[in-house]
ModelCIF file with pLDDT and N, C-alpha, C, O atoms, coordinates in Angstrom:
data_MODEL
#
_entry.id   MODEL 
#
_entity.id                         1 
_entity.type                       polymer 
_entity.pdbx_number_of_molecules   1 
#
_entity_poly.entity_id                      1 
_entity_poly.type                           'polypeptide(L)' 
_entity_poly.nstd_linkage                   no 
_entity_poly.nstd_monomer                   no 
_entity_poly.pdbx_seq_one_letter_code       GRAALAAALAARPLHLAWGEGDPAWDGAAGASLPSL 
_entity_poly.pdbx_seq_one_letter_code_can   GRAALAAALAARPLHLAWGEGDPAWDGAAGASLPSL 
_entity_poly.pdbx_strand_id                 A 
#
loop_
_entity_poly_seq.entity_id 
_entity_poly_seq.num 
_entity_poly_seq.mon_id 
_entity_poly_seq.hetero 
1 1  GLY n 
1 2  ARG n 
1 3  ALA n 
1 4  ALA n 
1 5  LEU n 
1 6  ALA n 
1 7  ALA n 
1 8  ALA n 
1 9  LEU n 
1 10 ALA n 
1 11 ALA n 
1 12 ARG n 
1 13 PRO n 
1 14 LEU n 
1 15 HIS n 
1 16 LEU n 
1 17 ALA n 
1 18 TRP n 
1 19 GLY n 
1 20 GLU n 
1 21 GLY n 
1 22 ASP n 
1 23 PRO n 
1 24 ALA n 
1 25 TRP n 
1 26 ASP n 
1 27 GLY n 
1 28 ALA n 
1 29 ALA n 
1 30 GLY n 
1 31 ALA n 
1 32 SER n 
1 33 LEU n 
1 34 PRO n 
1 35 SER n 
1 36 LEU n 
#
_struct_asym.id          A 
_struct_asym.entity_id   1 
#
loop_
_ma_qa_metric.id 
_ma_qa_metric.mode 
_ma_qa_metric.name 
_ma_qa_metric.software_group_id 
_ma_qa_metric.type 
1 global pLDDT . pLDDT 
2 local  pLDDT . pLDDT 
#
_ma_qa_metric_global.metric_id      1 
_ma_qa_metric_global.metric_value   92.33 
_ma_qa_metric_global.model_id       1 
_ma_qa_metric_global.ordinal_id     1 
#
loop_
_ma_qa_metric_local.label_asym_id 
_ma_qa_metric_local.label_comp_id 
_ma_qa_metric_local.label_seq_id 
_ma_qa_metric_local.metric_id 
_ma_qa_metric_local.metric_value 
_ma_qa_metric_local.model_id 
_ma_qa_metric_local.ordinal_id 
A GLY 1  2 94.00 1 1  
A ARG 2  2 93.00 1 2  
A ALA 3  2 94.00 1 3  
A ALA 4  2 94.00 1 4  
A LEU 5  2 95.00 1 5  
A ALA 6  2 95.00 1 6  
A ALA 7  2 95.00 1 7  
A ALA 8  2 96.00 1 8  
A LEU 9  2 96.00 1 9  
A ALA 10 2 95.00 1 10 
A ALA 11 2 96.00 1 11 
A ARG 12 2 96.00 1 12 
A PRO 13 2 96.00 1 13 
A LEU 14 2 98.00 1 14 
A HIS 15 2 98.00 1 15 
A LEU 16 2 98.00 1 16 
A ALA 17 2 98.00 1 17 
A TRP 18 2 97.00 1 18 
A GLY 19 2 98.00 1 19 
A GLU 20 2 97.00 1 20 
A GLY 21 2 96.00 1 21 
A ASP 22 2 95.00 1 22 
A PRO 23 2 95.00 1 23 
A ALA 24 2 93.00 1 24 
A TRP 25 2 94.00 1 25 
A ASP 26 2 92.00 1 26 
A GLY 27 2 83.00 1 27 
A ALA 28 2 82.00 1 28 
A ALA 29 2 73.00 1 29 
A GLY 30 2 71.00 1 30 
A ALA 31 2 73.00 1 31 
A SER 32 2 88.00 1 32 
A LEU 33 2 90.00 1 33 
A PRO 34 2 92.00 1 34 
A SER 35 2 93.00 1 35 
A LEU 36 2 95.00 1 36 
#
loop_
_atom_site.group_PDB 
_atom_site.id 
_atom_site.type_symbol 
_atom_site.label_atom_id 
_atom_site.label_alt_id 
_atom_site.label_comp_id 
_atom_site.label_asym_id 
_atom_site.label_entity_id 
_atom_site.label_seq_id 
_atom_site.pdbx_PDB_ins_code 
_atom_site.Cartn_x 
_atom_site.Cartn_y 
_atom_site.Cartn_z 
_atom_site.occupancy 
_atom_site.B_iso_or_equiv 
_atom_site.pdbx_formal_charge 
_atom_site.auth_seq_id 
_atom_site.auth_comp_id 
_atom_site.auth_asym_id 
_atom_site.auth_atom_id 
_atom_site.pdbx_PDB_model_num 
ATOM 1   N N  . GLY A 1 1  ? -11.560 21.809 44.291 1.00 94.00 ? 1  GLY A N  1 
ATOM 2   C CA . GLY A 1 1  ? -10.338 21.652 43.888 1.00 94.00 ? 1  GLY A CA 1 
ATOM 3   C C  . GLY A 1 1  ? -9.832  22.975 43.360 1.00 94.00 ? 1  GLY A C  1 
ATOM 4   O O  . GLY A 1 1  ? -8.658  23.310 43.521 1.00 94.00 ? 1  GLY A O  1 
ATOM 5   N N  . ARG A 1 2  ? -10.686 23.700 42.751 1.00 93.00 ? 2  ARG A N  1 
ATOM 6   C CA . ARG A 1 2  ? -10.412 24.975 42.307 1.00 93.00 ? 2  ARG A CA 1 
ATOM 7   C C  . ARG A 1 2  ? -10.071 26.205 43.452 1.00 93.00 ? 2  ARG A C  1 
ATOM 8   O O  . ARG A 1 2  ? -9.278  27.137 43.322 1.00 93.00 ? 2  ARG A O  1 
ATOM 9   N N  . ALA A 1 3  ? -10.826 25.923 44.453 1.00 94.00 ? 3  ALA A N  1 
ATOM 10  C CA . ALA A 1 3  ? -10.569 26.535 45.706 1.00 94.00 ? 3  ALA A CA 1 
ATOM 11  C C  . ALA A 1 3  ? -9.147  26.287 46.201 1.00 94.00 ? 3  ALA A C  1 
ATOM 12  O O  . ALA A 1 3  ? -8.404  27.199 46.564 1.00 94.00 ? 3  ALA A O  1 
ATOM 13  N N  . ALA A 1 4  ? -8.801  24.936 46.194 1.00 94.00 ? 4  ALA A N  1 
ATOM 14  C CA . ALA A 1 4  ? -7.643  24.441 46.803 1.00 94.00 ? 4  ALA A CA 1 
ATOM 15  C C  . ALA A 1 4  ? -6.469  25.177 45.939 1.00 94.00 ? 4  ALA A C  1 
ATOM 16  O O  . ALA A 1 4  ? -5.454  25.625 46.473 1.00 94.00 ? 4  ALA A O  1 
ATOM 17  N N  . LEU A 1 5  ? -6.722  25.243 44.592 1.00 95.00 ? 5  LEU A N  1 
ATOM 18  C CA . LEU A 1 5  ? -5.565  25.913 43.702 1.00 95.00 ? 5  LEU A CA 1 
ATOM 19  C C  . LEU A 1 5  ? -5.619  27.322 43.888 1.00 95.00 ? 5  LEU A C  1 
ATOM 20  O O  . LEU A 1 5  ? -4.584  27.958 43.688 1.00 95.00 ? 5  LEU A O  1 
ATOM 21  N N  . ALA A 1 6  ? -6.719  27.954 44.261 1.00 95.00 ? 6  ALA A N  1 
ATOM 22  C CA . ALA A 1 6  ? -6.773  29.360 44.501 1.00 95.00 ? 6  ALA A CA 1 
ATOM 23  C C  . ALA A 1 6  ? -5.875  29.599 45.782 1.00 95.00 ? 6  ALA A C  1 
ATOM 24  O O  . ALA A 1 6  ? -4.987  30.451 45.813 1.00 95.00 ? 6  ALA A O  1 
ATOM 25  N N  . ALA A 1 7  ? -6.200  28.748 46.855 1.00 95.00 ? 7  ALA A N  1 
ATOM 26  C CA . ALA A 1 7  ? -5.420  29.009 48.021 1.00 95.00 ? 7  ALA A CA 1 
ATOM 27  C C  . ALA A 1 7  ? -4.099  28.801 47.889 1.00 95.00 ? 7  ALA A C  1 
ATOM 28  O O  . ALA A 1 7  ? -3.328  29.513 48.533 1.00 95.00 ? 7  ALA A O  1 
ATOM 29  N N  . ALA A 1 8  ? -3.640  27.852 47.085 1.00 96.00 ? 8  ALA A N  1 
ATOM 30  C CA . ALA A 1 8  ? -2.203  27.621 46.865 1.00 96.00 ? 8  ALA A CA 1 
ATOM 31  C C  . ALA A 1 8  ? -1.626  28.903 46.246 1.00 96.00 ? 8  ALA A C  1 
ATOM 32  O O  . ALA A 1 8  ? -0.553  29.349 46.653 1.00 96.00 ? 8  ALA A O  1 
ATOM 33  N N  . LEU A 1 9  ? -2.232  29.423 45.395 1.00 96.00 ? 9  LEU A N  1 
ATOM 34  C CA . LEU A 1 9  ? -1.819  30.719 44.638 1.00 96.00 ? 9  LEU A CA 1 
ATOM 35  C C  . LEU A 1 9  ? -1.675  31.849 45.567 1.00 96.00 ? 9  LEU A C  1 
ATOM 36  O O  . LEU A 1 9  ? -0.642  32.517 45.625 1.00 96.00 ? 9  LEU A O  1 
ATOM 37  N N  . ALA A 1 10 ? -2.782  32.076 46.343 1.00 95.00 ? 10 ALA A N  1 
ATOM 38  C CA . ALA A 1 10 ? -2.953  33.185 47.141 1.00 95.00 ? 10 ALA A CA 1 
ATOM 39  C C  . ALA A 1 10 ? -1.783  33.108 48.354 1.00 95.00 ? 10 ALA A C  1 
ATOM 40  O O  . ALA A 1 10 ? -1.598  34.121 49.027 1.00 95.00 ? 10 ALA A O  1 
ATOM 41  N N  . ALA A 1 11 ? -1.060  31.987 48.602 1.00 96.00 ? 11 ALA A N  1 
ATOM 42  C CA . ALA A 1 11 ? -0.080  31.827 49.694 1.00 96.00 ? 11 ALA A CA 1 
ATOM 43  C C  . ALA A 1 11 ? 1.324   32.152 49.057 1.00 96.00 ? 11 ALA A C  1 
ATOM 44  O O  . ALA A 1 11 ? 2.319   32.165 49.782 1.00 96.00 ? 11 ALA A O  1 
ATOM 45  N N  . ARG A 1 12 ? 1.414   32.418 47.689 1.00 96.00 ? 12 ARG A N  1 
ATOM 46  C CA . ARG A 1 12 ? 2.747   32.831 46.905 1.00 96.00 ? 12 ARG A CA 1 
ATOM 47  C C  . ARG A 1 12 ? 2.835   34.283 46.992 1.00 96.00 ? 12 ARG A C  1 
ATOM 48  O O  . ARG A 1 12 ? 1.833   34.981 47.146 1.00 96.00 ? 12 ARG A O  1 
ATOM 49  N N  . PRO A 1 13 ? 4.225   34.832 46.879 1.00 96.00 ? 13 PRO A N  1 
ATOM 50  C CA . PRO A 1 13 ? 4.301   36.165 46.662 1.00 96.00 ? 13 PRO A CA 1 
ATOM 51  C C  . PRO A 1 13 ? 3.857   36.520 45.363 1.00 96.00 ? 13 PRO A C  1 
ATOM 52  O O  . PRO A 1 13 ? 4.228   35.894 44.370 1.00 96.00 ? 13 PRO A O  1 
ATOM 53  N N  . LEU A 1 14 ? 2.936   37.672 45.303 1.00 98.00 ? 14 LEU A N  1 
ATOM 54  C CA . LEU A 1 14 ? 2.179   37.851 44.052 1.00 98.00 ? 14 LEU A CA 1 
ATOM 55  C C  . LEU A 1 14 ? 2.437   39.492 43.873 1.00 98.00 ? 14 LEU A C  1 
ATOM 56  O O  . LEU A 1 14 ? 2.357   40.256 44.835 1.00 98.00 ? 14 LEU A O  1 
ATOM 57  N N  . HIS A 1 15 ? 2.705   39.861 42.742 1.00 98.00 ? 15 HIS A N  1 
ATOM 58  C CA . HIS A 1 15 ? 2.833   41.116 42.116 1.00 98.00 ? 15 HIS A CA 1 
ATOM 59  C C  . HIS A 1 15 ? 1.974   41.374 40.884 1.00 98.00 ? 15 HIS A C  1 
ATOM 60  O O  . HIS A 1 15 ? 1.738   40.539 40.011 1.00 98.00 ? 15 HIS A O  1 
ATOM 61  N N  . LEU A 1 16 ? 1.538   42.626 40.920 1.00 98.00 ? 16 LEU A N  1 
ATOM 62  C CA . LEU A 1 16 ? 0.662   43.184 39.561 1.00 98.00 ? 16 LEU A CA 1 
ATOM 63  C C  . LEU A 1 16 ? 1.739   43.898 38.841 1.00 98.00 ? 16 LEU A C  1 
ATOM 64  O O  . LEU A 1 16 ? 2.487   44.688 39.417 1.00 98.00 ? 16 LEU A O  1 
ATOM 65  N N  . ALA A 1 17 ? 1.824   43.588 37.443 1.00 98.00 ? 17 ALA A N  1 
ATOM 66  C CA . ALA A 1 17 ? 2.858   44.360 36.698 1.00 98.00 ? 17 ALA A CA 1 
ATOM 67  C C  . ALA A 1 17 ? 2.100   45.094 35.668 1.00 98.00 ? 17 ALA A C  1 
ATOM 68  O O  . ALA A 1 17 ? 0.973   44.751 35.310 1.00 98.00 ? 17 ALA A O  1 
ATOM 69  N N  . TRP A 1 18 ? 2.776   46.169 35.171 1.00 97.00 ? 18 TRP A N  1 
ATOM 70  C CA . TRP A 1 18 ? 2.088   46.888 34.052 1.00 97.00 ? 18 TRP A CA 1 
ATOM 71  C C  . TRP A 1 18 ? 3.117   47.087 32.896 1.00 97.00 ? 18 TRP A C  1 
ATOM 72  O O  . TRP A 1 18 ? 4.324   47.033 33.130 1.00 97.00 ? 18 TRP A O  1 
ATOM 73  N N  . GLY A 1 19 ? 2.631   47.314 31.663 1.00 98.00 ? 19 GLY A N  1 
ATOM 74  C CA . GLY A 1 19 ? 3.739   47.561 30.645 1.00 98.00 ? 19 GLY A CA 1 
ATOM 75  C C  . GLY A 1 19 ? 3.111   48.410 29.530 1.00 98.00 ? 19 GLY A C  1 
ATOM 76  O O  . GLY A 1 19 ? 1.906   48.627 29.403 1.00 98.00 ? 19 GLY A O  1 
ATOM 77  N N  . GLU A 1 20 ? 4.111   48.866 28.731 1.00 97.00 ? 20 GLU A N  1 
ATOM 78  C CA . GLU A 1 20 ? 3.692   49.677 27.666 1.00 97.00 ? 20 GLU A CA 1 
ATOM 79  C C  . GLU A 1 20 ? 2.999   48.901 26.430 1.00 97.00 ? 20 GLU A C  1 
ATOM 80  O O  . GLU A 1 20 ? 2.278   49.517 25.645 1.00 97.00 ? 20 GLU A O  1 
ATOM 81  N N  . GLY A 1 21 ? 3.255   47.510 26.296 1.00 96.00 ? 21 GLY A N  1 
ATOM 82  C CA . GLY A 1 21 ? 2.769   46.793 25.227 1.00 96.00 ? 21 GLY A CA 1 
ATOM 83  C C  . GLY A 1 21 ? 3.019   47.395 24.078 1.00 96.00 ? 21 GLY A C  1 
ATOM 84  O O  . GLY A 1 21 ? 3.994   48.144 24.004 1.00 96.00 ? 21 GLY A O  1 
ATOM 85  N N  . ASP A 1 22 ? 2.171   47.175 22.951 1.00 95.00 ? 22 ASP A N  1 
ATOM 86  C CA . ASP A 1 22 ? 2.211   47.457 21.749 1.00 95.00 ? 22 ASP A CA 1 
ATOM 87  C C  . ASP A 1 22 ? 1.363   48.611 21.175 1.00 95.00 ? 22 ASP A C  1 
ATOM 88  O O  . ASP A 1 22 ? 0.163   48.370 21.046 1.00 95.00 ? 22 ASP A O  1 
ATOM 89  N N  . PRO A 1 23 ? 1.848   49.927 20.782 1.00 95.00 ? 23 PRO A N  1 
ATOM 90  C CA . PRO A 1 23 ? 0.881   50.695 20.240 1.00 95.00 ? 23 PRO A CA 1 
ATOM 91  C C  . PRO A 1 23 ? -0.105  50.429 19.241 1.00 95.00 ? 23 PRO A C  1 
ATOM 92  O O  . PRO A 1 23 ? -1.161  51.038 19.069 1.00 95.00 ? 23 PRO A O  1 
ATOM 93  N N  . ALA A 1 24 ? 0.446   49.241 18.457 1.00 93.00 ? 24 ALA A N  1 
ATOM 94  C CA . ALA A 1 24 ? -0.540  48.693 17.417 1.00 93.00 ? 24 ALA A CA 1 
ATOM 95  C C  . ALA A 1 24 ? -1.887  48.218 18.089 1.00 93.00 ? 24 ALA A C  1 
ATOM 96  O O  . ALA A 1 24 ? -2.927  48.150 17.434 1.00 93.00 ? 24 ALA A O  1 
ATOM 97  N N  . TRP A 1 25 ? -1.820  47.900 19.398 1.00 94.00 ? 25 TRP A N  1 
ATOM 98  C CA . TRP A 1 25 ? -3.198  47.508 20.059 1.00 94.00 ? 25 TRP A CA 1 
ATOM 99  C C  . TRP A 1 25 ? -4.176  48.641 20.261 1.00 94.00 ? 25 TRP A C  1 
ATOM 100 O O  . TRP A 1 25 ? -5.377  48.438 20.435 1.00 94.00 ? 25 TRP A O  1 
ATOM 101 N N  . ASP A 1 26 ? -3.643  49.808 20.232 1.00 92.00 ? 26 ASP A N  1 
ATOM 102 C CA . ASP A 1 26 ? -4.596  50.950 20.543 1.00 92.00 ? 26 ASP A CA 1 
ATOM 103 C C  . ASP A 1 26 ? -5.808  50.972 19.323 1.00 92.00 ? 26 ASP A C  1 
ATOM 104 O O  . ASP A 1 26 ? -5.631  51.064 18.108 1.00 92.00 ? 26 ASP A O  1 
ATOM 105 N N  . GLY A 1 27 ? -6.876  50.876 19.945 1.00 83.00 ? 27 GLY A N  1 
ATOM 106 C CA . GLY A 1 27 ? -8.201  50.862 19.281 1.00 83.00 ? 27 GLY A CA 1 
ATOM 107 C C  . GLY A 1 27 ? -8.388  49.553 18.474 1.00 83.00 ? 27 GLY A C  1 
ATOM 108 O O  . GLY A 1 27 ? -9.257  49.542 17.602 1.00 83.00 ? 27 GLY A O  1 
ATOM 109 N N  . ALA A 1 28 ? -7.670  48.500 18.690 1.00 82.00 ? 28 ALA A N  1 
ATOM 110 C CA . ALA A 1 28 ? -7.986  47.255 18.115 1.00 82.00 ? 28 ALA A CA 1 
ATOM 111 C C  . ALA A 1 28 ? -8.976  46.661 18.699 1.00 82.00 ? 28 ALA A C  1 
ATOM 112 O O  . ALA A 1 28 ? -9.180  46.892 19.890 1.00 82.00 ? 28 ALA A O  1 
ATOM 113 N N  . ALA A 1 29 ? -9.861  45.700 17.922 1.00 73.00 ? 29 ALA A N  1 
ATOM 114 C CA . ALA A 1 29 ? -10.850 45.021 18.486 1.00 73.00 ? 29 ALA A CA 1 
ATOM 115 C C  . ALA A 1 29 ? -10.393 43.688 19.043 1.00 73.00 ? 29 ALA A C  1 
ATOM 116 O O  . ALA A 1 29 ? -9.408  43.152 18.534 1.00 73.00 ? 29 ALA A O  1 
ATOM 117 N N  . GLY A 1 30 ? -11.064 43.082 20.100 1.00 71.00 ? 30 GLY A N  1 
ATOM 118 C CA . GLY A 1 30 ? -10.620 42.055 20.814 1.00 71.00 ? 30 GLY A CA 1 
ATOM 119 C C  . GLY A 1 30 ? -10.170 40.913 19.943 1.00 71.00 ? 30 GLY A C  1 
ATOM 120 O O  . GLY A 1 30 ? -9.078  40.426 20.236 1.00 71.00 ? 30 GLY A O  1 
ATOM 121 N N  . ALA A 1 31 ? -10.841 40.390 18.897 1.00 73.00 ? 31 ALA A N  1 
ATOM 122 C CA . ALA A 1 31 ? -10.516 39.345 17.951 1.00 73.00 ? 31 ALA A CA 1 
ATOM 123 C C  . ALA A 1 31 ? -9.008  39.678 17.307 1.00 73.00 ? 31 ALA A C  1 
ATOM 124 O O  . ALA A 1 31 ? -8.245  38.763 16.998 1.00 73.00 ? 31 ALA A O  1 
ATOM 125 N N  . SER A 1 32 ? -8.730  40.822 17.171 1.00 88.00 ? 32 SER A N  1 
ATOM 126 C CA . SER A 1 32 ? -7.364  41.162 16.328 1.00 88.00 ? 32 SER A CA 1 
ATOM 127 C C  . SER A 1 32 ? -6.237  41.441 17.193 1.00 88.00 ? 32 SER A C  1 
ATOM 128 O O  . SER A 1 32 ? -5.127  41.762 16.768 1.00 88.00 ? 32 SER A O  1 
ATOM 129 N N  . LEU A 1 33 ? -6.619  41.279 18.724 1.00 90.00 ? 33 LEU A N  1 
ATOM 130 C CA . LEU A 1 33 ? -5.495  41.357 19.608 1.00 90.00 ? 33 LEU A CA 1 
ATOM 131 C C  . LEU A 1 33 ? -4.757  40.018 19.801 1.00 90.00 ? 33 LEU A C  1 
ATOM 132 O O  . LEU A 1 33 ? -5.443  39.016 19.597 1.00 90.00 ? 33 LEU A O  1 
ATOM 133 N N  . PRO A 1 34 ? -3.391  39.825 20.184 1.00 92.00 ? 34 PRO A N  1 
ATOM 134 C CA . PRO A 1 34 ? -2.947  38.501 20.287 1.00 92.00 ? 34 PRO A CA 1 
ATOM 135 C C  . PRO A 1 34 ? -3.496  37.718 21.469 1.00 92.00 ? 34 PRO A C  1 
ATOM 136 O O  . PRO A 1 34 ? -4.064  38.326 22.376 1.00 92.00 ? 34 PRO A O  1 
ATOM 137 N N  . SER A 1 35 ? -3.372  36.563 21.497 1.00 93.00 ? 35 SER A N  1 
ATOM 138 C CA . SER A 1 35 ? -3.888  35.582 22.421 1.00 93.00 ? 35 SER A CA 1 
ATOM 139 C C  . SER A 1 35 ? -2.643  35.580 23.434 1.00 93.00 ? 35 SER A C  1 
ATOM 140 O O  . SER A 1 35 ? -1.485  35.507 23.022 1.00 93.00 ? 35 SER A O  1 
ATOM 141 N N  . LEU A 1 36 ? -2.975  35.666 24.790 1.00 95.00 ? 36 LEU A N  1 
ATOM 142 C CA . LEU A 1 36 ? -2.064  35.706 25.886 1.00 95.00 ? 36 LEU A CA 1 
ATOM 143 C C  . LEU A 1 36 ? -1.956  34.382 26.652 1.00 95.00 ? 36 LEU A C  1 
ATOM 144 O O  . LEU A 1 36 ? -1.201  34.289 27.620 1.00 95.00 ? 36 LEU A O  1 
#
């Protein structure tokens, strides 16, 4: 079932995006970063 979902996603137009984010994240530990 997971493989079927992966196949459905692979068939879509996909883009990798990058961003500046928040400078307050610099040097922050994982637990103090926001949940995505």
